[in-house]
Full PDB file with SEQRES, HELIX, SHEET, SSBOND, CRYST1, ORIGX, SCALE, CONECT and MASTER records, all heavy atoms in Angstrom:
SEQRES   1 A   32  PRO GLY LYS GLN ARG GLU LEU VAL ALA THR ILE THR SER          
SEQRES   2 A   32  ASP GLY LEU ALA ASN LEU ALA ASP SER VAL LYS GLY ARG          
SEQRES   3 A   32  PHE THR ILE SER ARG ASP                                      
SHEET    1 AA1 2 ALA A   9  ILE A  11  0                                        
SHEET    2 AA1 2 ALA A  17  LEU A  19 -1                                        
CRYST1    1.000    1.000    1.000  90.00  90.00  90.00 P 1           1          
ORIGX1      1.000000  0.000000  0.000000        0.00000                         
ORIGX2      0.000000  1.000000  0.000000        0.00000                         
ORIGX3      0.000000  0.000000  1.000000        0.00000                         
SCALE1      1.000000  0.000000  0.000000        0.00000                         
SCALE2      0.000000  1.000000  0.000000        0.00000                         
SCALE3      0.000000  0.000000  1.000000        0.00000                         
ATOM      1  N   PRO A   1      11.656 -16.297  23.914  1.00  0.00           N  
ATOM      2  CA  PRO A   1      12.166 -17.043  25.060  1.00  0.00           C  
ATOM      3  C   PRO A   1      11.320 -18.277  25.360  1.00  0.00           C  
ATOM      4  O   PRO A   1      10.090 -18.190  25.444  1.00  0.00           O  
ATOM      5  CB  PRO A   1      12.076 -16.028  26.196  1.00  0.00           C  
ATOM      6  CG  PRO A   1      12.140 -14.701  25.524  1.00  0.00           C  
ATOM      7  CD  PRO A   1      11.445 -14.880  24.215  1.00  0.00           C  
ATOM      8  N   GLY A   2      11.980 -19.412  25.471  1.00  0.00           N  
ATOM      9  CA  GLY A   2      11.288 -20.644  25.813  1.00  0.00           C  
ATOM     10  C   GLY A   2      10.501 -21.278  24.677  1.00  0.00           C  
ATOM     11  O   GLY A   2       9.767 -22.250  24.895  1.00  0.00           O  
ATOM     12  N   LYS A   3      10.649 -20.740  23.471  1.00  0.00           N  
ATOM     13  CA  LYS A   3       9.894 -21.269  22.329  1.00  0.00           C  
ATOM     14  C   LYS A   3      10.825 -21.714  21.220  1.00  0.00           C  
ATOM     15  O   LYS A   3      11.989 -21.341  21.170  1.00  0.00           O  
ATOM     16  CB  LYS A   3       8.912 -20.211  21.815  1.00  0.00           C  
ATOM     17  CG  LYS A   3       7.819 -19.854  22.800  1.00  0.00           C  
ATOM     18  CD  LYS A   3       6.771 -18.965  22.141  1.00  0.00           C  
ATOM     19  CE  LYS A   3       5.625 -18.684  23.094  1.00  0.00           C  
ATOM     20  NZ  LYS A   3       4.581 -17.826  22.445  1.00  0.00           N  
ATOM     21  N   GLN A   4      10.263 -22.486  20.326  1.00  0.00           N  
ATOM     22  CA  GLN A   4      11.011 -22.929  19.156  1.00  0.00           C  
ATOM     23  C   GLN A   4      11.150 -21.784  18.166  1.00  0.00           C  
ATOM     24  O   GLN A   4      10.329 -20.863  18.120  1.00  0.00           O  
ATOM     25  CB  GLN A   4      10.263 -24.079  18.457  1.00  0.00           C  
ATOM     26  CG  GLN A   4      10.093 -25.318  19.302  1.00  0.00           C  
ATOM     27  CD  GLN A   4      11.223 -26.308  19.111  1.00  0.00           C  
ATOM     28  OE1 GLN A   4      12.345 -25.935  18.787  1.00  0.00           O  
ATOM     29  NE2 GLN A   4      10.931 -27.573  19.309  1.00  0.00           N  
ATOM     30  N   ARG A   5      12.194 -21.836  17.372  1.00  0.00           N  
ATOM     31  CA  ARG A   5      12.347 -20.869  16.301  1.00  0.00           C  
ATOM     32  C   ARG A   5      11.228 -21.063  15.287  1.00  0.00           C  
ATOM     33  O   ARG A   5      10.889 -22.199  14.946  1.00  0.00           O  
ATOM     34  CB  ARG A   5      13.702 -21.038  15.628  1.00  0.00           C  
ATOM     35  CG  ARG A   5      14.061 -19.970  14.619  1.00  0.00           C  
ATOM     36  CD  ARG A   5      15.484 -20.172  14.123  1.00  0.00           C  
ATOM     37  NE  ARG A   5      16.456 -19.884  15.173  1.00  0.00           N  
ATOM     38  CZ  ARG A   5      17.743 -20.225  15.095  1.00  0.00           C  
ATOM     39  NH1 ARG A   5      18.187 -20.876  14.035  1.00  0.00           N  
ATOM     40  NH2 ARG A   5      18.560 -19.928  16.079  1.00  0.00           N  
ATOM     41  N   GLU A   6      10.650 -19.969  14.821  1.00  0.00           N  
ATOM     42  CA  GLU A   6       9.544 -20.051  13.871  1.00  0.00           C  
ATOM     43  C   GLU A   6       9.810 -19.171  12.662  1.00  0.00           C  
ATOM     44  O   GLU A   6      10.513 -18.173  12.732  1.00  0.00           O  
ATOM     45  CB  GLU A   6       8.216 -19.633  14.526  1.00  0.00           C  
ATOM     46  CG  GLU A   6       8.163 -18.186  14.973  1.00  0.00           C  
ATOM     47  CD  GLU A   6       6.782 -17.774  15.474  1.00  0.00           C  
ATOM     48  OE1 GLU A   6       5.810 -18.524  15.292  1.00  0.00           O  
ATOM     49  OE2 GLU A   6       6.690 -16.675  16.055  1.00  0.00           O  
ATOM     50  N   LEU A   7       9.201 -19.553  11.568  1.00  0.00           N  
ATOM     51  CA  LEU A   7       9.320 -18.801  10.320  1.00  0.00           C  
ATOM     52  C   LEU A   7       8.333 -17.650  10.337  1.00  0.00           C  
ATOM     53  O   LEU A   7       7.154 -17.838  10.638  1.00  0.00           O  
ATOM     54  CB  LEU A   7       9.040 -19.731   9.137  1.00  0.00           C  
ATOM     55  CG  LEU A   7       9.070 -19.122   7.746  1.00  0.00           C  
ATOM     56  CD1 LEU A   7      10.466 -18.632   7.402  1.00  0.00           C  
ATOM     57  CD2 LEU A   7       8.584 -20.146   6.719  1.00  0.00           C  
ATOM     58  N   VAL A   8       8.821 -16.463   9.999  1.00  0.00           N  
ATOM     59  CA  VAL A   8       7.981 -15.263  10.021  1.00  0.00           C  
ATOM     60  C   VAL A   8       7.594 -14.833   8.610  1.00  0.00           C  
ATOM     61  O   VAL A   8       6.433 -14.505   8.353  1.00  0.00           O  
ATOM     62  CB  VAL A   8       8.725 -14.116  10.728  1.00  0.00           C  
ATOM     63  CG1 VAL A   8       7.919 -12.817  10.641  1.00  0.00           C  
ATOM     64  CG2 VAL A   8       9.017 -14.475  12.172  1.00  0.00           C  
ATOM     65  N   ALA A   9       8.571 -14.840   7.716  1.00  0.00           N  
ATOM     66  CA  ALA A   9       8.316 -14.339   6.363  1.00  0.00           C  
ATOM     67  C   ALA A   9       9.343 -14.915   5.410  1.00  0.00           C  
ATOM     68  O   ALA A   9      10.478 -15.196   5.804  1.00  0.00           O  
ATOM     69  CB  ALA A   9       8.391 -12.811   6.338  1.00  0.00           C  
ATOM     70  N   THR A  10       8.928 -15.083   4.162  1.00  0.00           N  
ATOM     71  CA  THR A  10       9.839 -15.534   3.115  1.00  0.00           C  
ATOM     72  C   THR A  10       9.690 -14.659   1.888  1.00  0.00           C  
ATOM     73  O   THR A  10       8.635 -14.027   1.676  1.00  0.00           O  
ATOM     74  CB  THR A  10       9.575 -16.996   2.716  1.00  0.00           C  
ATOM     75  OG1 THR A  10       8.254 -17.096   2.177  1.00  0.00           O  
ATOM     76  CG2 THR A  10       9.724 -17.940   3.899  1.00  0.00           C  
ATOM     77  N   ILE A  11      10.727 -14.640   1.093  1.00  0.00           N  
ATOM     78  CA  ILE A  11      10.672 -13.934  -0.182  1.00  0.00           C  
ATOM     79  C   ILE A  11      11.482 -14.731  -1.190  1.00  0.00           C  
ATOM     80  O   ILE A  11      12.618 -15.133  -0.918  1.00  0.00           O  
ATOM     81  CB  ILE A  11      11.173 -12.472  -0.046  1.00  0.00           C  
ATOM     82  CG1 ILE A  11      10.962 -11.710  -1.352  1.00  0.00           C  
ATOM     83  CG2 ILE A  11      12.619 -12.409   0.422  1.00  0.00           C  
ATOM     84  CD1 ILE A  11      11.074 -10.201  -1.205  1.00  0.00           C  
ATOM     85  N   THR A  12      10.894 -14.988  -2.342  1.00  0.00           N  
ATOM     86  CA  THR A  12      11.577 -15.780  -3.367  1.00  0.00           C  
ATOM     87  C   THR A  12      12.623 -14.926  -4.075  1.00  0.00           C  
ATOM     88  O   THR A  12      12.709 -13.704  -3.879  1.00  0.00           O  
ATOM     89  CB  THR A  12      10.581 -16.304  -4.393  1.00  0.00           C  
ATOM     90  OG1 THR A  12      10.047 -15.188  -5.130  1.00  0.00           O  
ATOM     91  CG2 THR A  12       9.452 -17.082  -3.741  1.00  0.00           C  
ATOM     92  N   SER A  13      13.398 -15.572  -4.927  1.00  0.00           N  
ATOM     93  CA  SER A  13      14.404 -14.844  -5.697  1.00  0.00           C  
ATOM     94  C   SER A  13      13.746 -13.832  -6.631  1.00  0.00           C  
ATOM     95  O   SER A  13      14.353 -12.826  -6.992  1.00  0.00           O  
ATOM     96  CB  SER A  13      15.264 -15.820  -6.498  1.00  0.00           C  
ATOM     97  OG  SER A  13      14.461 -16.611  -7.339  1.00  0.00           O  
ATOM     98  N   ASP A  14      12.493 -14.082  -6.981  1.00  0.00           N  
ATOM     99  CA  ASP A  14      11.749 -13.172  -7.858  1.00  0.00           C  
ATOM    100  C   ASP A  14      10.994 -12.093  -7.100  1.00  0.00           C  
ATOM    101  O   ASP A  14      10.318 -11.267  -7.705  1.00  0.00           O  
ATOM    102  CB  ASP A  14      10.744 -13.958  -8.710  1.00  0.00           C  
ATOM    103  CG  ASP A  14      11.420 -14.886  -9.687  1.00  0.00           C  
ATOM    104  OD1 ASP A  14      12.571 -14.591 -10.067  1.00  0.00           O  
ATOM    105  OD2 ASP A  14      10.813 -15.908 -10.063  1.00  0.00           O  
ATOM    106  N   GLY A  15      11.078 -12.138  -5.759  1.00  0.00           N  
ATOM    107  CA  GLY A  15      10.427 -11.109  -4.965  1.00  0.00           C  
ATOM    108  C   GLY A  15       9.029 -11.430  -4.491  1.00  0.00           C  
ATOM    109  O   GLY A  15       8.325 -10.555  -3.973  1.00  0.00           O  
ATOM    110  N   LEU A  16       8.612 -12.670  -4.620  1.00  0.00           N  
ATOM    111  CA  LEU A  16       7.283 -13.071  -4.149  1.00  0.00           C  
ATOM    112  C   LEU A  16       7.355 -13.322  -2.645  1.00  0.00           C  
ATOM    113  O   LEU A  16       8.131 -14.149  -2.190  1.00  0.00           O  
ATOM    114  CB  LEU A  16       6.812 -14.326  -4.879  1.00  0.00           C  
ATOM    115  CG  LEU A  16       5.410 -14.805  -4.537  1.00  0.00           C  
ATOM    116  CD1 LEU A  16       4.369 -13.769  -4.958  1.00  0.00           C  
ATOM    117  CD2 LEU A  16       5.128 -16.143  -5.222  1.00  0.00           C  
ATOM    118  N   ALA A  17       6.520 -12.599  -1.913  1.00  0.00           N  
ATOM    119  CA  ALA A  17       6.575 -12.651  -0.455  1.00  0.00           C  
ATOM    120  C   ALA A  17       5.461 -13.499   0.128  1.00  0.00           C  
ATOM    121  O   ALA A  17       4.372 -13.606  -0.446  1.00  0.00           O  
ATOM    122  CB  ALA A  17       6.494 -11.242   0.116  1.00  0.00           C  
ATOM    123  N   ASN A  18       5.765 -14.081   1.270  1.00  0.00           N  
ATOM    124  CA  ASN A  18       4.766 -14.826   2.019  1.00  0.00           C  
ATOM    125  C   ASN A  18       5.003 -14.560   3.494  1.00  0.00           C  
ATOM    126  O   ASN A  18       6.160 -14.509   3.945  1.00  0.00           O  
ATOM    127  CB  ASN A  18       4.869 -16.333   1.728  1.00  0.00           C  
ATOM    128  CG  ASN A  18       3.663 -17.079   2.239  1.00  0.00           C  
ATOM    129  OD1 ASN A  18       2.539 -16.571   2.199  1.00  0.00           O  
ATOM    130  ND2 ASN A  18       3.868 -18.276   2.735  1.00  0.00           N  
ATOM    131  N   LEU A  19       3.922 -14.365   4.227  1.00  0.00           N  
ATOM    132  CA  LEU A  19       4.030 -13.999   5.637  1.00  0.00           C  
ATOM    133  C   LEU A  19       3.237 -14.961   6.499  1.00  0.00           C  
ATOM    134  O   LEU A  19       2.187 -15.466   6.095  1.00  0.00           O  
ATOM    135  CB  LEU A  19       3.495 -12.582   5.848  1.00  0.00           C  
ATOM    136  CG  LEU A  19       4.245 -11.466   5.126  1.00  0.00           C  
ATOM    137  CD1 LEU A  19       3.405 -10.217   5.039  1.00  0.00           C  
ATOM    138  CD2 LEU A  19       5.543 -11.181   5.827  1.00  0.00           C  
ATOM    139  N   ALA A  20       3.731 -15.193   7.695  1.00  0.00           N  
ATOM    140  CA  ALA A  20       2.988 -15.984   8.662  1.00  0.00           C  
ATOM    141  C   ALA A  20       1.699 -15.253   9.028  1.00  0.00           C  
ATOM    142  O   ALA A  20       1.655 -14.019   9.025  1.00  0.00           O  
ATOM    143  CB  ALA A  20       3.834 -16.219   9.908  1.00  0.00           C  
ATOM    144  N   ASP A  21       0.669 -16.004   9.347  1.00  0.00           N  
ATOM    145  CA  ASP A  21      -0.619 -15.394   9.673  1.00  0.00           C  
ATOM    146  C   ASP A  21      -0.506 -14.405  10.834  1.00  0.00           C  
ATOM    147  O   ASP A  21      -1.213 -13.390  10.858  1.00  0.00           O  
ATOM    148  CB  ASP A  21      -1.640 -16.486  10.032  1.00  0.00           C  
ATOM    149  CG  ASP A  21      -2.088 -17.266   8.809  1.00  0.00           C  
ATOM    150  OD1 ASP A  21      -1.861 -16.799   7.671  1.00  0.00           O  
ATOM    151  OD2 ASP A  21      -2.665 -18.357   8.990  1.00  0.00           O  
ATOM    152  N   SER A  22       0.377 -14.689  11.762  1.00  0.00           N  
ATOM    153  CA  SER A  22       0.501 -13.852  12.958  1.00  0.00           C  
ATOM    154  C   SER A  22       1.038 -12.460  12.652  1.00  0.00           C  
ATOM    155  O   SER A  22       0.894 -11.541  13.474  1.00  0.00           O  
ATOM    156  CB  SER A  22       1.401 -14.540  13.983  1.00  0.00           C  
ATOM    157  OG  SER A  22       2.681 -14.765  13.436  1.00  0.00           O  
ATOM    158  N   VAL A  23       1.670 -12.286  11.497  1.00  0.00           N  
ATOM    159  CA  VAL A  23       2.258 -10.982  11.172  1.00  0.00           C  
ATOM    160  C   VAL A  23       1.682 -10.386   9.886  1.00  0.00           C  
ATOM    161  O   VAL A  23       2.046  -9.269   9.511  1.00  0.00           O  
ATOM    162  CB  VAL A  23       3.797 -11.073  11.054  1.00  0.00           C  
ATOM    163  CG1 VAL A  23       4.392 -11.651  12.332  1.00  0.00           C  
ATOM    164  CG2 VAL A  23       4.224 -11.881   9.833  1.00  0.00           C  
ATOM    165  N   LYS A  24       0.800 -11.108   9.253  1.00  0.00           N  
ATOM    166  CA  LYS A  24       0.221 -10.625   7.999  1.00  0.00           C  
ATOM    167  C   LYS A  24      -0.496  -9.302   8.233  1.00  0.00           C  
ATOM    168  O   LYS A  24      -1.225  -9.140   9.208  1.00  0.00           O  
ATOM    169  CB  LYS A  24      -0.747 -11.692   7.466  1.00  0.00           C  
ATOM    170  CG  LYS A  24      -0.801 -11.814   5.967  1.00  0.00           C  
ATOM    171  CD  LYS A  24      -1.540 -13.078   5.541  1.00  0.00           C  
ATOM    172  CE  LYS A  24      -0.622 -14.256   5.434  1.00  0.00           C  
ATOM    173  NZ  LYS A  24      -1.269 -15.460   4.868  1.00  0.00           N  
ATOM    174  N   GLY A  25      -0.256  -8.361   7.330  1.00  0.00           N  
ATOM    175  CA  GLY A  25      -0.878  -7.049   7.462  1.00  0.00           C  
ATOM    176  C   GLY A  25      -0.084  -6.078   8.314  1.00  0.00           C  
ATOM    177  O   GLY A  25      -0.373  -4.880   8.344  1.00  0.00           O  
ATOM    178  N   ARG A  26       0.936  -6.599   9.014  1.00  0.00           N  
ATOM    179  CA  ARG A  26       1.766  -5.736   9.861  1.00  0.00           C  
ATOM    180  C   ARG A  26       3.225  -5.712   9.409  1.00  0.00           C  
ATOM    181  O   ARG A  26       3.892  -4.682   9.542  1.00  0.00           O  
ATOM    182  CB  ARG A  26       1.703  -6.213  11.321  1.00  0.00           C  
ATOM    183  CG  ARG A  26       0.306  -6.228  11.904  1.00  0.00           C  
ATOM    184  CD  ARG A  26       0.325  -6.523  13.400  1.00  0.00           C  
ATOM    185  NE  ARG A  26       0.848  -7.852  13.702  1.00  0.00           N  
ATOM    186  CZ  ARG A  26       1.910  -8.080  14.469  1.00  0.00           C  
ATOM    187  NH1 ARG A  26       2.573  -7.081  15.014  1.00  0.00           N  
ATOM    188  NH2 ARG A  26       2.316  -9.332  14.702  1.00  0.00           N  
ATOM    189  N   PHE A  27       3.725  -6.835   8.921  1.00  0.00           N  
ATOM    190  CA  PHE A  27       5.129  -6.957   8.496  1.00  0.00           C  
ATOM    191  C   PHE A  27       5.206  -7.019   6.977  1.00  0.00           C  
ATOM    192  O   PHE A  27       4.308  -7.518   6.304  1.00  0.00           O  
ATOM    193  CB  PHE A  27       5.756  -8.227   9.069  1.00  0.00           C  
ATOM    194  CG  PHE A  27       5.984  -8.232  10.559  1.00  0.00           C  
ATOM    195  CD1 PHE A  27       5.442  -7.265  11.388  1.00  0.00           C  
ATOM    196  CD2 PHE A  27       6.744  -9.245  11.124  1.00  0.00           C  
ATOM    197  CE1 PHE A  27       5.653  -7.292  12.756  1.00  0.00           C  
ATOM    198  CE2 PHE A  27       6.974  -9.281  12.500  1.00  0.00           C  
ATOM    199  CZ  PHE A  27       6.416  -8.304  13.307  1.00  0.00           C  
ATOM    200  N   THR A  28       6.325  -6.532   6.464  1.00  0.00           N  
ATOM    201  CA  THR A  28       6.617  -6.608   5.035  1.00  0.00           C  
ATOM    202  C   THR A  28       8.060  -7.064   4.860  1.00  0.00           C  
ATOM    203  O   THR A  28       8.960  -6.535   5.520  1.00  0.00           O  
ATOM    204  CB  THR A  28       6.436  -5.239   4.361  1.00  0.00           C  
ATOM    205  OG1 THR A  28       5.115  -4.754   4.588  1.00  0.00           O  
ATOM    206  CG2 THR A  28       6.676  -5.344   2.864  1.00  0.00           C  
ATOM    207  N   ILE A  29       8.275  -8.022   3.974  1.00  0.00           N  
ATOM    208  CA  ILE A  29       9.621  -8.476   3.661  1.00  0.00           C  
ATOM    209  C   ILE A  29       9.993  -7.981   2.276  1.00  0.00           C  
ATOM    210  O   ILE A  29       9.151  -7.936   1.372  1.00  0.00           O  
ATOM    211  CB  ILE A  29       9.729 -10.020   3.758  1.00  0.00           C  
ATOM    212  CG1 ILE A  29      11.177 -10.482   3.565  1.00  0.00           C  
ATOM    213  CG2 ILE A  29       8.784 -10.703   2.780  1.00  0.00           C  
ATOM    214  CD1 ILE A  29      11.380 -11.970   3.862  1.00  0.00           C  
ATOM    215  N   SER A  30      11.244  -7.585   2.113  1.00  0.00           N  
ATOM    216  CA  SER A  30      11.723  -7.132   0.809  1.00  0.00           C  
ATOM    217  C   SER A  30      13.206  -7.474   0.697  1.00  0.00           C  
ATOM    218  O   SER A  30      13.842  -7.863   1.678  1.00  0.00           O  
ATOM    219  CB  SER A  30      11.504  -5.630   0.640  1.00  0.00           C  
ATOM    220  OG  SER A  30      12.214  -4.901   1.624  1.00  0.00           O  
ATOM    221  N   ARG A  31      13.731  -7.330  -0.513  1.00  0.00           N  
ATOM    222  CA  ARG A  31      15.133  -7.645  -0.731  1.00  0.00           C  
ATOM    223  C   ARG A  31      15.741  -6.682  -1.737  1.00  0.00           C  
ATOM    224  O   ARG A  31      15.045  -6.157  -2.607  1.00  0.00           O  
ATOM    225  CB  ARG A  31      15.301  -9.090  -1.203  1.00  0.00           C  
ATOM    226  CG  ARG A  31      14.668  -9.411  -2.525  1.00  0.00           C  
ATOM    227  CD  ARG A  31      14.643 -10.933  -2.777  1.00  0.00           C  
ATOM    228  NE  ARG A  31      15.990 -11.462  -2.911  1.00  0.00           N  
ATOM    229  CZ  ARG A  31      16.285 -12.765  -2.765  1.00  0.00           C  
ATOM    230  NH1 ARG A  31      15.333 -13.629  -2.476  1.00  0.00           N  
ATOM    231  NH2 ARG A  31      17.523 -13.176  -2.917  1.00  0.00           N  
ATOM    232  N   ASP A  32      17.046  -6.473  -1.604  1.00  0.00           N  
ATOM    233  CA  ASP A  32      17.799  -5.625  -2.522  1.00  0.00           C  
ATOM    234  C   ASP A  32      18.971  -6.448  -3.038  1.00  0.00           C  
ATOM    235  O   ASP A  32      19.946  -6.681  -2.319  1.00  0.00           O  
ATOM    236  CB  ASP A  32      18.281  -4.374  -1.786  1.00  0.00           C  
ATOM    237  CG  ASP A  32      18.978  -3.384  -2.696  1.00  0.00           C  
ATOM    238  OD1 ASP A  32      19.497  -3.797  -3.759  1.00  0.00           O  
ATOM    239  OD2 ASP A  32      19.039  -2.198  -2.353  1.00  0.00           O  
TER     240      ASP A  32                                                      
MASTER        0    0    0    0    2    0    0    6  239    1    0    3          
END                                                                             
C-alpha cells in the first residue's frame, strides 16, 4: 500500500533464480 510495484524474484527459462535482497534466504522461486 502506498508504494511502487517492486521486483521480488526472477527465474530464467533454464531455471536460474535471482531474488531481491529483502527476501533472499526466505523466498524461493520455481517453475513447472
